[in-house]
Amino acid sequence: MAEVSYDDFLAVDIRVGTVVRAEPYPEARKPAIKLWIDFGDEVGVKKTSAQITVHYTPEGLIGQQVMAVVNFPPRQIGKFMSEVLVLGFSDADGAIVLAQPERDVPKGGRMH
């Protein structure tokens, strides 16, 4: 594993946002959900897609707080432009579990 400096860590802008819209993404190569996440006034609403269909449904994600990297360049995912990278961990079977704060925090809050 490569080491990173503290300055490298500070360069990655990880923020918390609230899912305000979620839709299935049937055109994706692997099952995925399109997400629109509100990161507050400074960052705004950003969209992404995530392969999280094992543990989540679009309806169940509305109102959930999630963590994401907000300063990567946009990336084309099939026909959908992803603007942020939602963070998660693989469970024992390899399905993604979203990284979420254990308590509600203000939208746009930066990870320290």
C-alpha atoms as a PDB file:
ATOM      1  CA  MET A   1       0.000   0.000   0.000  1.00  0.00           C
ATOM      2  CA  ALA A   2       1.392   3.387  -0.992  1.00  0.00           C
ATOM      3  CA  GLU A   3       1.625   6.073   1.658  1.00  0.00           C
ATOM      4  CA  VAL A   4       0.047   9.479   1.093  1.00  0.00           C
ATOM      5  CA  SER A   5       0.950  12.713   2.760  1.00  0.00           C
ATOM      6  CA  TYR A   6      -1.401  14.695   4.944  1.00  0.00           C
ATOM      7  CA  ASP A   7      -1.523  17.307   2.164  1.00  0.00           C
ATOM      8  CA  ASP A   8      -2.637  14.562  -0.280  1.00  0.00           C
ATOM      9  CA  PHE A   9      -5.481  13.692   2.083  1.00  0.00           C
ATOM     10  CA  LEU A  10      -6.498  17.349   2.393  1.00  0.00           C
ATOM     11  CA  ALA A  11      -6.680  17.601  -1.412  1.00  0.00           C
ATOM     12  CA  VAL A  12      -9.520  15.041  -1.486  1.00  0.00           C
ATOM     13  CA  ASP A  13     -12.742  16.913  -0.708  1.00  0.00           C
ATOM     14  CA  ILE A  14     -15.080  14.429   0.997  1.00  0.00           C
ATOM     15  CA  ARG A  15     -18.455  15.878   1.925  1.00  0.00           C
ATOM     16  CA  VAL A  16     -21.774  14.677   3.260  1.00  0.00           C
ATOM     17  CA  GLY A  17     -24.912  15.179   1.222  1.00  0.00           C
ATOM     18  CA  THR A  18     -28.554  14.147   1.245  1.00  0.00           C
ATOM     19  CA  VAL A  19     -30.018  12.013  -1.542  1.00  0.00           C
ATOM     20  CA  VAL A  20     -32.861  14.059  -3.040  1.00  0.00           C
ATOM     21  CA  ARG A  21     -33.601  11.888  -6.090  1.00  0.00           C
ATOM     22  CA  ALA A  22     -32.784   8.302  -7.049  1.00  0.00           C
ATOM     23  CA  GLU A  23     -33.698   6.239 -10.106  1.00  0.00           C
ATOM     24  CA  PRO A  24     -32.839   2.807 -11.457  1.00  0.00           C
ATOM     25  CA  TYR A  25     -30.131   2.812 -14.129  1.00  0.00           C
ATOM     26  CA  PRO A  26     -31.117  -0.159 -16.306  1.00  0.00           C
ATOM     27  CA  GLU A  27     -28.787   0.885 -19.159  1.00  0.00           C
ATOM     28  CA  ALA A  28     -25.690   0.402 -16.988  1.00  0.00           C
ATOM     29  CA  ARG A  29     -23.440  -2.598 -17.678  1.00  0.00           C
ATOM     30  CA  LYS A  30     -23.805  -3.685 -14.036  1.00  0.00           C
ATOM     31  CA  PRO A  31     -26.964  -2.991 -12.001  1.00  0.00           C
ATOM     32  CA  ALA A  32     -26.788   0.565 -10.673  1.00  0.00           C
ATOM     33  CA  ILE A  33     -28.824   3.434  -9.267  1.00  0.00           C
ATOM     34  CA  LYS A  34     -28.636   7.067 -10.414  1.00  0.00           C
ATOM     35  CA  LEU A  35     -28.404   9.474  -7.478  1.00  0.00           C
ATOM     36  CA  TRP A  36     -28.854  13.226  -7.132  1.00  0.00           C
ATOM     37  CA  ILE A  37     -27.249  14.399  -3.899  1.00  0.00           C
ATOM     38  CA  ASP A  38     -27.670  17.810  -2.259  1.00  0.00           C
ATOM     39  CA  PHE A  39     -24.375  18.973  -0.740  1.00  0.00           C
ATOM     40  CA  GLY A  40     -25.708  22.349   0.411  1.00  0.00           C
ATOM     41  CA  ASP A  41     -25.156  25.861  -0.893  1.00  0.00           C
ATOM     42  CA  GLU A  42     -21.390  25.697  -1.502  1.00  0.00           C
ATOM     43  CA  VAL A  43     -21.382  22.556  -3.700  1.00  0.00           C
ATOM     44  CA  GLY A  44     -25.039  22.250  -4.740  1.00  0.00           C
ATOM     45  CA  VAL A  45     -26.845  19.191  -6.106  1.00  0.00           C
ATOM     46  CA  LYS A  46     -24.560  16.736  -7.903  1.00  0.00           C
ATOM     47  CA  LYS A  47     -25.360  13.482  -9.672  1.00  0.00           C
ATOM     48  CA  THR A  48     -23.676  10.103  -9.785  1.00  0.00           C
ATOM     49  CA  SER A  49     -24.408   6.455 -10.399  1.00  0.00           C
ATOM     50  CA  ALA A  50     -23.500   3.673  -8.011  1.00  0.00           C
ATOM     51  CA  GLN A  51     -23.572  -0.124  -8.119  1.00  0.00           C
ATOM     52  CA  ILE A  52     -25.482  -0.425  -4.844  1.00  0.00           C
ATOM     53  CA  THR A  53     -28.572  -2.408  -5.894  1.00  0.00           C
ATOM     54  CA  VAL A  54     -27.924  -5.371  -3.572  1.00  0.00           C
ATOM     55  CA  HIS A  55     -28.560  -3.404  -0.362  1.00  0.00           C
ATOM     56  CA  TYR A  56     -30.482  -0.336  -1.598  1.00  0.00           C
ATOM     57  CA  THR A  57     -33.530   0.669  -3.621  1.00  0.00           C
ATOM     58  CA  PRO A  58     -34.053   4.071  -5.206  1.00  0.00           C
ATOM     59  CA  GLU A  59     -37.053   4.737  -2.944  1.00  0.00           C
ATOM     60  CA  GLY A  60     -35.155   3.798   0.211  1.00  0.00           C
ATOM     61  CA  LEU A  61     -32.262   6.142  -0.585  1.00  0.00           C
ATOM     62  CA  ILE A  62     -34.314   9.355  -0.642  1.00  0.00           C
ATOM     63  CA  GLY A  63     -33.432  11.415   2.431  1.00  0.00           C
ATOM     64  CA  GLN A  64     -30.362   9.319   3.283  1.00  0.00           C
ATOM     65  CA  GLN A  65     -27.098  11.084   4.012  1.00  0.00           C
ATOM     66  CA  VAL A  66     -24.096   9.750   2.099  1.00  0.00           C
ATOM     67  CA  MET A  67     -20.420  10.625   1.823  1.00  0.00           C
ATOM     68  CA  ALA A  68     -18.781  11.439  -1.500  1.00  0.00           C
ATOM     69  CA  VAL A  69     -15.666  12.866  -3.083  1.00  0.00           C
ATOM     70  CA  VAL A  70     -16.877  16.101  -4.675  1.00  0.00           C
ATOM     71  CA  ASN A  71     -13.704  17.377  -6.360  1.00  0.00           C
ATOM     72  CA  PHE A  72     -12.998  14.665  -8.936  1.00  0.00           C
ATOM     73  CA  PRO A  73     -13.582  15.701 -12.555  1.00  0.00           C
ATOM     74  CA  PRO A  74     -16.916  14.568 -14.062  1.00  0.00           C
ATOM     75  CA  ARG A  75     -16.825  11.067 -15.582  1.00  0.00           C
ATOM     76  CA  GLN A  76     -19.055   9.587 -18.242  1.00  0.00           C
ATOM     77  CA  ILE A  77     -20.693   6.375 -16.988  1.00  0.00           C
ATOM     78  CA  GLY A  78     -22.516   4.978 -20.014  1.00  0.00           C
ATOM     79  CA  LYS A  79     -25.030   7.643 -21.026  1.00  0.00           C
ATOM     80  CA  PHE A  80     -24.903   9.309 -17.601  1.00  0.00           C
ATOM     81  CA  MET A  81     -22.398  11.951 -16.447  1.00  0.00           C
ATOM     82  CA  SER A  82     -21.193  11.274 -12.909  1.00  0.00           C
ATOM     83  CA  GLU A  83     -20.109  14.395 -10.999  1.00  0.00           C
ATOM     84  CA  VAL A  84     -19.110  12.897  -7.630  1.00  0.00           C
ATOM     85  CA  LEU A  85     -17.872   9.559  -6.266  1.00  0.00           C
ATOM     86  CA  VAL A  86     -20.087   8.093  -3.546  1.00  0.00           C
ATOM     87  CA  LEU A  87     -18.074   6.185  -0.946  1.00  0.00           C
ATOM     88  CA  GLY A  88     -18.764   2.698   0.312  1.00  0.00           C
ATOM     89  CA  PHE A  89     -17.246  -0.559   1.467  1.00  0.00           C
ATOM     90  CA  SER A  90     -17.577  -4.114   0.158  1.00  0.00           C
ATOM     91  CA  ASP A  91     -19.457  -6.512   2.407  1.00  0.00           C
ATOM     92  CA  ALA A  92     -18.360 -10.164   2.777  1.00  0.00           C
ATOM     93  CA  ASP A  93     -19.964 -10.984  -0.600  1.00  0.00           C
ATOM     94  CA  GLY A  94     -18.539  -7.971  -2.439  1.00  0.00           C
ATOM     95  CA  ALA A  95     -21.757  -5.905  -2.466  1.00  0.00           C
ATOM     96  CA  ILE A  96     -21.324  -2.214  -1.676  1.00  0.00           C
ATOM     97  CA  VAL A  97     -22.464  -0.736   1.649  1.00  0.00           C
ATOM     98  CA  LEU A  98     -22.561   3.066   1.605  1.00  0.00           C
ATOM     99  CA  ALA A  99     -20.394   5.125   3.952  1.00  0.00           C
ATOM    100  CA  GLN A 100     -22.801   7.246   5.989  1.00  0.00           C
ATOM    101  CA  PRO A 101     -22.455   9.393   9.106  1.00  0.00           C
ATOM    102  CA  GLU A 102     -23.930   7.741  12.184  1.00  0.00           C
ATOM    103  CA  ARG A 103     -25.846  10.937  13.020  1.00  0.00           C
ATOM    104  CA  ASP A 104     -27.356  13.653  10.849  1.00  0.00           C
ATOM    105  CA  VAL A 105     -24.871  16.378  10.017  1.00  0.00           C
ATOM    106  CA  PRO A 106     -25.319  19.586   7.995  1.00  0.00           C
ATOM    107  CA  LYS A 107     -25.318  19.123   4.207  1.00  0.00           C
ATOM    108  CA  GLY A 108     -21.973  19.956   2.691  1.00  0.00           C
ATOM    109  CA  GLY A 109     -20.010  19.189   5.847  1.00  0.00           C
ATOM    110  CA  ARG A 110     -16.448  18.233   5.038  1.00  0.00           C
ATOM    111  CA  MET A 111     -14.803  15.096   6.429  1.00  0.00           C
ATOM    112  CA  HIS A 112     -11.890  15.794   8.799  1.00  0.00           C
END
